All heavy atoms as atom14 arrays in JSON, in Angstrom:
{
  "sequence": "RGGTVTTQICVAEKVYSPVIEAGEADTLLSFELLEAKR",
  "atom14_mask": [
    [1, 1, 1, 1, 1, 1, 1, 1, 1, 1, 1, 0, 0, 0],
    [1, 1, 1, 1, 0, 0, 0, 0, 0, 0, 0, 0, 0, 0],
    [1, 1, 1, 1, 0, 0, 0, 0, 0, 0, 0, 0, 0, 0],
    [1, 1, 1, 1, 1, 1, 1, 0, 0, 0, 0, 0, 0, 0],
    [1, 1, 1, 1, 1, 1, 1, 0, 0, 0, 0, 0, 0, 0],
    [1, 1, 1, 1, 1, 1, 1, 0, 0, 0, 0, 0, 0, 0],
    [1, 1, 1, 1, 1, 1, 1, 0, 0, 0, 0, 0, 0, 0],
    [1, 1, 1, 1, 1, 1, 1, 1, 1, 0, 0, 0, 0, 0],
    [1, 1, 1, 1, 1, 1, 1, 1, 0, 0, 0, 0, 0, 0],
    [1, 1, 1, 1, 1, 1, 0, 0, 0, 0, 0, 0, 0, 0],
    [1, 1, 1, 1, 1, 1, 1, 0, 0, 0, 0, 0, 0, 0],
    [1, 1, 1, 1, 1, 0, 0, 0, 0, 0, 0, 0, 0, 0],
    [1, 1, 1, 1, 1, 1, 1, 1, 1, 0, 0, 0, 0, 0],
    [1, 1, 1, 1, 1, 1, 1, 1, 1, 0, 0, 0, 0, 0],
    [1, 1, 1, 1, 1, 1, 1, 0, 0, 0, 0, 0, 0, 0],
    [1, 1, 1, 1, 1, 1, 1, 1, 1, 1, 1, 1, 0, 0],
    [1, 1, 1, 1, 1, 1, 0, 0, 0, 0, 0, 0, 0, 0],
    [1, 1, 1, 1, 1, 1, 1, 0, 0, 0, 0, 0, 0, 0],
    [1, 1, 1, 1, 1, 1, 1, 0, 0, 0, 0, 0, 0, 0],
    [1, 1, 1, 1, 1, 1, 1, 1, 0, 0, 0, 0, 0, 0],
    [1, 1, 1, 1, 1, 1, 1, 1, 1, 0, 0, 0, 0, 0],
    [1, 1, 1, 1, 1, 0, 0, 0, 0, 0, 0, 0, 0, 0],
    [1, 1, 1, 1, 0, 0, 0, 0, 0, 0, 0, 0, 0, 0],
    [1, 1, 1, 1, 1, 1, 1, 1, 1, 0, 0, 0, 0, 0],
    [1, 1, 1, 1, 1, 0, 0, 0, 0, 0, 0, 0, 0, 0],
    [1, 1, 1, 1, 1, 1, 1, 1, 0, 0, 0, 0, 0, 0],
    [1, 1, 1, 1, 1, 1, 1, 0, 0, 0, 0, 0, 0, 0],
    [1, 1, 1, 1, 1, 1, 1, 1, 0, 0, 0, 0, 0, 0],
    [1, 1, 1, 1, 1, 1, 1, 1, 0, 0, 0, 0, 0, 0],
    [1, 1, 1, 1, 1, 1, 0, 0, 0, 0, 0, 0, 0, 0],
    [1, 1, 1, 1, 1, 1, 1, 1, 1, 1, 1, 0, 0, 0],
    [1, 1, 1, 1, 1, 1, 1, 1, 1, 0, 0, 0, 0, 0],
    [1, 1, 1, 1, 1, 1, 1, 1, 0, 0, 0, 0, 0, 0],
    [1, 1, 1, 1, 1, 1, 1, 1, 0, 0, 0, 0, 0, 0],
    [1, 1, 1, 1, 1, 1, 1, 1, 1, 0, 0, 0, 0, 0],
    [1, 1, 1, 1, 1, 0, 0, 0, 0, 0, 0, 0, 0, 0],
    [1, 1, 1, 1, 1, 1, 1, 1, 1, 0, 0, 0, 0, 0],
    [1, 1, 1, 1, 1, 1, 1, 1, 1, 1, 1, 0, 0, 0]
  ],
  "atom14_positions": [
    [[62.55, 67.59, 132.25], [61.89, 67.05, 131.14], [62.86, 66.32, 130.16], [62.67, 66.15, 128.96], [61.22, 68.1, 130.34], [60.1, 68.76, 131.16], [59.4, 69.81, 130.35], [58.42, 70.51, 131.19], [57.17, 70.45, 131.09], [56.62, 69.57, 130.22], [56.39, 71.12, 131.89], [0.0, 0.0, 0.0], [0.0, 0.0, 0.0], [0.0, 0.0, 0.0]],
    [[64.03, 65.88, 130.67], [64.99, 65.17, 129.91], [65.92, 66.06, 129.13], [66.62, 65.61, 128.2], [0.0, 0.0, 0.0], [0.0, 0.0, 0.0], [0.0, 0.0, 0.0], [0.0, 0.0, 0.0], [0.0, 0.0, 0.0], [0.0, 0.0, 0.0], [0.0, 0.0, 0.0], [0.0, 0.0, 0.0], [0.0, 0.0, 0.0], [0.0, 0.0, 0.0]],
    [[65.98, 67.34, 129.39], [66.82, 68.26, 128.71], [68.25, 68.21, 129.09], [68.61, 67.56, 130.04], [0.0, 0.0, 0.0], [0.0, 0.0, 0.0], [0.0, 0.0, 0.0], [0.0, 0.0, 0.0], [0.0, 0.0, 0.0], [0.0, 0.0, 0.0], [0.0, 0.0, 0.0], [0.0, 0.0, 0.0], [0.0, 0.0, 0.0], [0.0, 0.0, 0.0]],
    [[69.08, 68.97, 128.41], [70.48, 69.03, 128.66], [70.87, 69.65, 129.98], [70.22, 70.72, 130.32], [71.19, 69.74, 127.52], [70.94, 69.06, 126.27], [72.67, 69.83, 127.7], [0.0, 0.0, 0.0], [0.0, 0.0, 0.0], [0.0, 0.0, 0.0], [0.0, 0.0, 0.0], [0.0, 0.0, 0.0], [0.0, 0.0, 0.0], [0.0, 0.0, 0.0]],
    [[71.85, 69.11, 130.66], [72.4, 69.67, 131.88], [73.88, 69.92, 131.63], [74.56, 68.94, 131.17], [72.2, 68.74, 133.14], [72.86, 69.38, 134.36], [70.75, 68.51, 133.36], [0.0, 0.0, 0.0], [0.0, 0.0, 0.0], [0.0, 0.0, 0.0], [0.0, 0.0, 0.0], [0.0, 0.0, 0.0], [0.0, 0.0, 0.0], [0.0, 0.0, 0.0]],
    [[74.36, 71.11, 131.83], [75.82, 71.44, 131.65], [76.34, 72.1, 132.82], [75.7, 72.98, 133.46], [75.9, 72.4, 130.42], [75.29, 71.79, 129.23], [77.33, 72.7, 130.14], [0.0, 0.0, 0.0], [0.0, 0.0, 0.0], [0.0, 0.0, 0.0], [0.0, 0.0, 0.0], [0.0, 0.0, 0.0], [0.0, 0.0, 0.0], [0.0, 0.0, 0.0]],
    [[77.55, 71.71, 133.22], [78.24, 72.35, 134.37], [79.7, 72.6, 133.89], [80.32, 71.78, 133.34], [78.28, 71.47, 135.61], [76.96, 71.07, 135.99], [78.98, 72.16, 136.68], [0.0, 0.0, 0.0], [0.0, 0.0, 0.0], [0.0, 0.0, 0.0], [0.0, 0.0, 0.0], [0.0, 0.0, 0.0], [0.0, 0.0, 0.0], [0.0, 0.0, 0.0]],
    [[80.11, 73.8, 134.18], [81.51, 74.21, 133.88], [82.22, 74.43, 135.17], [81.69, 75.13, 136.04], [81.5, 75.48, 133.02], [80.86, 75.31, 131.69], [80.89, 76.6, 130.84], [81.31, 77.66, 131.27], [80.43, 76.49, 129.61], [0.0, 0.0, 0.0], [0.0, 0.0, 0.0], [0.0, 0.0, 0.0], [0.0, 0.0, 0.0], [0.0, 0.0, 0.0]],
    [[83.38, 73.85, 135.32], [84.17, 74.03, 136.56], [85.54, 74.43, 136.15], [86.22, 73.79, 135.35], [84.22, 72.65, 137.34], [82.91, 72.09, 137.66], [85.1, 72.89, 138.65], [82.95, 70.69, 138.2], [0.0, 0.0, 0.0], [0.0, 0.0, 0.0], [0.0, 0.0, 0.0], [0.0, 0.0, 0.0], [0.0, 0.0, 0.0], [0.0, 0.0, 0.0]],
    [[85.97, 75.57, 136.75], [87.38, 76.01, 136.5], [88.12, 75.97, 137.87], [87.64, 76.43, 138.86], [87.33, 77.48, 135.94], [86.58, 77.61, 134.41], [0.0, 0.0, 0.0], [0.0, 0.0, 0.0], [0.0, 0.0, 0.0], [0.0, 0.0, 0.0], [0.0, 0.0, 0.0], [0.0, 0.0, 0.0], [0.0, 0.0, 0.0], [0.0, 0.0, 0.0]],
    [[89.3, 75.38, 137.75], [90.14, 75.11, 138.94], [91.51, 75.71, 138.67], [92.14, 75.45, 137.71], [90.27, 73.63, 139.26], [91.19, 73.38, 140.36], [88.86, 72.99, 139.4], [0.0, 0.0, 0.0], [0.0, 0.0, 0.0], [0.0, 0.0, 0.0], [0.0, 0.0, 0.0], [0.0, 0.0, 0.0], [0.0, 0.0, 0.0], [0.0, 0.0, 0.0]],
    [[91.98, 76.57, 139.61], [93.34, 77.15, 139.49], [93.72, 77.82, 140.84], [92.96, 77.71, 141.79], [93.37, 78.21, 138.39], [0.0, 0.0, 0.0], [0.0, 0.0, 0.0], [0.0, 0.0, 0.0], [0.0, 0.0, 0.0], [0.0, 0.0, 0.0], [0.0, 0.0, 0.0], [0.0, 0.0, 0.0], [0.0, 0.0, 0.0], [0.0, 0.0, 0.0]],
    [[94.88, 78.37, 140.97], [95.26, 79.04, 142.15], [94.27, 80.24, 142.35], [93.9, 80.52, 143.49], [96.69, 79.6, 142.03], [97.73, 78.48, 142.0], [97.62, 77.56, 143.26], [97.52, 78.04, 144.35], [97.72, 76.31, 143.01], [0.0, 0.0, 0.0], [0.0, 0.0, 0.0], [0.0, 0.0, 0.0], [0.0, 0.0, 0.0], [0.0, 0.0, 0.0]],
    [[93.9, 80.9, 141.28], [92.9, 81.98, 141.33], [92.06, 81.91, 140.04], [92.63, 81.93, 138.99], [93.59, 83.41, 141.46], [92.69, 84.51, 141.52], [91.88, 84.42, 142.87], [90.87, 85.58, 142.96], [89.72, 85.24, 143.87], [0.0, 0.0, 0.0], [0.0, 0.0, 0.0], [0.0, 0.0, 0.0], [0.0, 0.0, 0.0], [0.0, 0.0, 0.0]],
    [[90.78, 81.79, 140.24], [89.85, 81.69, 139.11], [88.98, 82.95, 139.1], [88.46, 83.36, 140.14], [88.93, 80.43, 139.25], [87.98, 80.39, 138.06], [89.76, 79.14, 139.32], [0.0, 0.0, 0.0], [0.0, 0.0, 0.0], [0.0, 0.0, 0.0], [0.0, 0.0, 0.0], [0.0, 0.0, 0.0], [0.0, 0.0, 0.0], [0.0, 0.0, 0.0]],
    [[88.89, 83.62, 138.01], [88.14, 84.83, 137.88], [86.7, 84.62, 137.25], [85.87, 85.44, 137.43], [88.95, 85.89, 137.06], [90.18, 86.25, 137.8], [91.41, 85.65, 137.44], [90.14, 87.17, 138.78], [92.58, 85.97, 138.15], [91.37, 87.54, 139.51], [92.52, 86.92, 139.16], [93.68, 87.2, 139.84], [0.0, 0.0, 0.0], [0.0, 0.0, 0.0]],
    [[86.58, 83.5, 136.5], [85.34, 83.24, 135.87], [85.12, 81.74, 135.65], [86.09, 81.05, 135.44], [85.32, 83.94, 134.46], [84.2, 83.48, 133.74], [0.0, 0.0, 0.0], [0.0, 0.0, 0.0], [0.0, 0.0, 0.0], [0.0, 0.0, 0.0], [0.0, 0.0, 0.0], [0.0, 0.0, 0.0], [0.0, 0.0, 0.0], [0.0, 0.0, 0.0]],
    [[83.85, 81.29, 135.78], [83.6, 79.86, 135.58], [83.35, 79.49, 134.09], [83.07, 78.37, 133.78], [82.35, 79.6, 136.45], [81.63, 80.92, 136.31], [82.71, 81.99, 136.3], [0.0, 0.0, 0.0], [0.0, 0.0, 0.0], [0.0, 0.0, 0.0], [0.0, 0.0, 0.0], [0.0, 0.0, 0.0], [0.0, 0.0, 0.0], [0.0, 0.0, 0.0]],
    [[83.44, 80.48, 133.23], [83.07, 80.25, 131.83], [84.17, 79.61, 131.07], [85.33, 80.06, 131.12], [82.7, 81.63, 131.18], [82.33, 81.42, 129.71], [81.53, 82.21, 131.94], [0.0, 0.0, 0.0], [0.0, 0.0, 0.0], [0.0, 0.0, 0.0], [0.0, 0.0, 0.0], [0.0, 0.0, 0.0], [0.0, 0.0, 0.0], [0.0, 0.0, 0.0]],
    [[83.83, 78.56, 130.37], [84.76, 77.86, 129.46], [84.35, 78.11, 128.07], [83.25, 77.87, 127.6], [84.75, 76.3, 129.75], [85.16, 76.04, 131.22], [85.6, 75.59, 128.77], [84.97, 74.63, 131.66], [0.0, 0.0, 0.0], [0.0, 0.0, 0.0], [0.0, 0.0, 0.0], [0.0, 0.0, 0.0], [0.0, 0.0, 0.0], [0.0, 0.0, 0.0]],
    [[85.28, 78.71, 127.25], [85.09, 79.03, 125.86], [85.36, 77.8, 125.02], [85.97, 76.83, 125.44], [85.92, 80.19, 125.44], [85.7, 81.45, 126.22], [84.39, 82.14, 126.04], [83.79, 81.93, 124.93], [83.96, 82.87, 126.93], [0.0, 0.0, 0.0], [0.0, 0.0, 0.0], [0.0, 0.0, 0.0], [0.0, 0.0, 0.0], [0.0, 0.0, 0.0]],
    [[84.92, 77.87, 123.8], [85.18, 76.75, 122.8], [86.66, 76.49, 122.77], [87.5, 77.32, 122.73], [84.65, 77.18, 121.38], [0.0, 0.0, 0.0], [0.0, 0.0, 0.0], [0.0, 0.0, 0.0], [0.0, 0.0, 0.0], [0.0, 0.0, 0.0], [0.0, 0.0, 0.0], [0.0, 0.0, 0.0], [0.0, 0.0, 0.0], [0.0, 0.0, 0.0]],
    [[87.03, 75.16, 122.78], [88.36, 74.79, 122.74], [89.23, 74.86, 123.97], [90.4, 74.59, 123.97], [0.0, 0.0, 0.0], [0.0, 0.0, 0.0], [0.0, 0.0, 0.0], [0.0, 0.0, 0.0], [0.0, 0.0, 0.0], [0.0, 0.0, 0.0], [0.0, 0.0, 0.0], [0.0, 0.0, 0.0], [0.0, 0.0, 0.0], [0.0, 0.0, 0.0]],
    [[88.58, 75.28, 125.13], [89.37, 75.5, 126.36], [89.24, 74.33, 127.32], [90.17, 74.22, 128.21], [88.85, 76.76, 127.03], [89.21, 78.02, 126.39], [88.88, 79.28, 127.25], [88.04, 79.12, 128.21], [89.29, 80.35, 126.86], [0.0, 0.0, 0.0], [0.0, 0.0, 0.0], [0.0, 0.0, 0.0], [0.0, 0.0, 0.0], [0.0, 0.0, 0.0]],
    [[88.26, 73.55, 127.29], [88.14, 72.48, 128.33], [89.2, 71.4, 128.18], [89.44, 70.92, 127.06], [86.75, 71.8, 128.24], [0.0, 0.0, 0.0], [0.0, 0.0, 0.0], [0.0, 0.0, 0.0], [0.0, 0.0, 0.0], [0.0, 0.0, 0.0], [0.0, 0.0, 0.0], [0.0, 0.0, 0.0], [0.0, 0.0, 0.0], [0.0, 0.0, 0.0]],
    [[89.91, 71.08, 129.2], [90.93, 70.0, 129.12], [90.25, 68.64, 129.44], [90.76, 67.63, 129.04], [92.11, 70.26, 130.03], [91.72, 70.48, 131.44], [91.39, 69.49, 132.16], [91.74, 71.58, 131.91], [0.0, 0.0, 0.0], [0.0, 0.0, 0.0], [0.0, 0.0, 0.0], [0.0, 0.0, 0.0], [0.0, 0.0, 0.0], [0.0, 0.0, 0.0]],
    [[89.1, 68.66, 130.09], [88.4, 67.5, 130.45], [86.9, 67.66, 130.13], [86.3, 68.61, 130.51], [88.55, 67.11, 131.96], [89.95, 67.02, 132.27], [87.79, 65.82, 132.34], [0.0, 0.0, 0.0], [0.0, 0.0, 0.0], [0.0, 0.0, 0.0], [0.0, 0.0, 0.0], [0.0, 0.0, 0.0], [0.0, 0.0, 0.0], [0.0, 0.0, 0.0]],
    [[86.33, 66.69, 129.47], [84.91, 66.67, 129.18], [84.37, 65.3, 129.72], [84.82, 64.26, 129.26], [84.57, 66.77, 127.71], [83.15, 66.54, 127.26], [82.2, 67.51, 127.94], [83.1, 66.8, 125.68], [0.0, 0.0, 0.0], [0.0, 0.0, 0.0], [0.0, 0.0, 0.0], [0.0, 0.0, 0.0], [0.0, 0.0, 0.0], [0.0, 0.0, 0.0]],
    [[83.42, 65.39, 130.72], [82.86, 64.23, 131.29], [81.35, 64.2, 130.81], [80.64, 65.1, 131.2], [82.94, 64.28, 132.82], [82.42, 63.08, 133.65], [83.2, 61.87, 133.29], [82.44, 63.41, 135.07], [0.0, 0.0, 0.0], [0.0, 0.0, 0.0], [0.0, 0.0, 0.0], [0.0, 0.0, 0.0], [0.0, 0.0, 0.0], [0.0, 0.0, 0.0]],
    [[81.03, 63.19, 130.05], [79.69, 63.17, 129.49], [78.93, 62.02, 129.97], [79.43, 60.86, 129.88], [79.79, 63.2, 127.95], [78.45, 63.17, 127.42], [0.0, 0.0, 0.0], [0.0, 0.0, 0.0], [0.0, 0.0, 0.0], [0.0, 0.0, 0.0], [0.0, 0.0, 0.0], [0.0, 0.0, 0.0], [0.0, 0.0, 0.0], [0.0, 0.0, 0.0]],
    [[77.7, 62.27, 130.3], [76.81, 61.22, 130.84], [75.97, 60.51, 129.78], [75.18, 59.59, 130.06], [75.94, 61.8, 131.87], [76.66, 62.25, 133.12], [77.52, 63.35, 133.06], [76.55, 61.54, 134.34], [78.27, 63.67, 134.2], [77.32, 61.96, 135.42], [78.21, 63.04, 135.39], [0.0, 0.0, 0.0], [0.0, 0.0, 0.0], [0.0, 0.0, 0.0]],
    [[76.16, 60.97, 128.47], [75.37, 60.38, 127.39], [76.19, 60.65, 126.11], [76.8, 61.65, 125.95], [73.99, 61.01, 127.37], [72.98, 60.37, 126.49], [72.99, 60.77, 125.03], [73.46, 61.85, 124.78], [72.5, 59.93, 124.23], [0.0, 0.0, 0.0], [0.0, 0.0, 0.0], [0.0, 0.0, 0.0], [0.0, 0.0, 0.0], [0.0, 0.0, 0.0]],
    [[76.04, 59.75, 125.12], [76.86, 59.87, 123.86], [76.57, 61.15, 123.12], [77.52, 61.85, 122.76], [76.61, 58.61, 123.03], [77.23, 57.35, 123.53], [76.61, 56.09, 122.81], [78.75, 57.34, 123.24], [0.0, 0.0, 0.0], [0.0, 0.0, 0.0], [0.0, 0.0, 0.0], [0.0, 0.0, 0.0], [0.0, 0.0, 0.0], [0.0, 0.0, 0.0]],
    [[75.35, 61.36, 122.78], [75.02, 62.55, 121.91], [75.41, 63.85, 122.59], [75.82, 64.77, 121.94], [73.53, 62.49, 121.48], [73.14, 63.57, 120.48], [73.95, 63.42, 119.2], [71.63, 63.44, 120.15], [0.0, 0.0, 0.0], [0.0, 0.0, 0.0], [0.0, 0.0, 0.0], [0.0, 0.0, 0.0], [0.0, 0.0, 0.0], [0.0, 0.0, 0.0]],
    [[75.21, 63.91, 123.92], [75.63, 65.13, 124.64], [77.09, 65.34, 124.5], [77.58, 66.51, 124.47], [75.17, 65.06, 126.13], [73.66, 65.06, 126.33], [73.0, 66.28, 125.77], [73.59, 67.37, 125.77], [71.79, 66.09, 125.41], [0.0, 0.0, 0.0], [0.0, 0.0, 0.0], [0.0, 0.0, 0.0], [0.0, 0.0, 0.0], [0.0, 0.0, 0.0]],
    [[77.88, 64.27, 124.48], [79.33, 64.41, 124.24], [79.64, 65.06, 122.92], [80.43, 65.92, 122.76], [80.01, 63.05, 124.42], [0.0, 0.0, 0.0], [0.0, 0.0, 0.0], [0.0, 0.0, 0.0], [0.0, 0.0, 0.0], [0.0, 0.0, 0.0], [0.0, 0.0, 0.0], [0.0, 0.0, 0.0], [0.0, 0.0, 0.0], [0.0, 0.0, 0.0]],
    [[78.93, 64.52, 121.86], [79.13, 65.05, 120.55], [78.7, 66.56, 120.49], [79.44, 67.39, 119.89], [78.33, 64.22, 119.5], [78.56, 64.7, 118.13], [77.68, 63.84, 117.13], [77.98, 64.37, 115.68], [77.19, 63.65, 114.7], [0.0, 0.0, 0.0], [0.0, 0.0, 0.0], [0.0, 0.0, 0.0], [0.0, 0.0, 0.0], [0.0, 0.0, 0.0]],
    [[77.63, 66.88, 121.13], [77.1, 68.29, 121.06], [78.15, 69.26, 121.75], [78.28, 70.41, 121.39], [75.82, 68.37, 121.77], [74.65, 67.82, 121.03], [73.4, 67.93, 121.87], [72.23, 67.39, 121.12], [71.14, 67.08, 121.64], [70.95, 67.19, 123.02], [70.09, 66.58, 120.92], [0.0, 0.0, 0.0], [0.0, 0.0, 0.0], [0.0, 0.0, 0.0]]
  ]
}
C-alpha cells in the first residue's frame, strides 16, 4: 500500500545479529528522499 520498506544487512567475518542500532549504519541506501530523512 505504498508503506515503508526497510532492510538491515550486517556483513563481517562473523555476524551475530542483523539488527542495526541508531548511529551504527555506515551506509544508508534510500530509494526516496523522505525515507532517507526518516
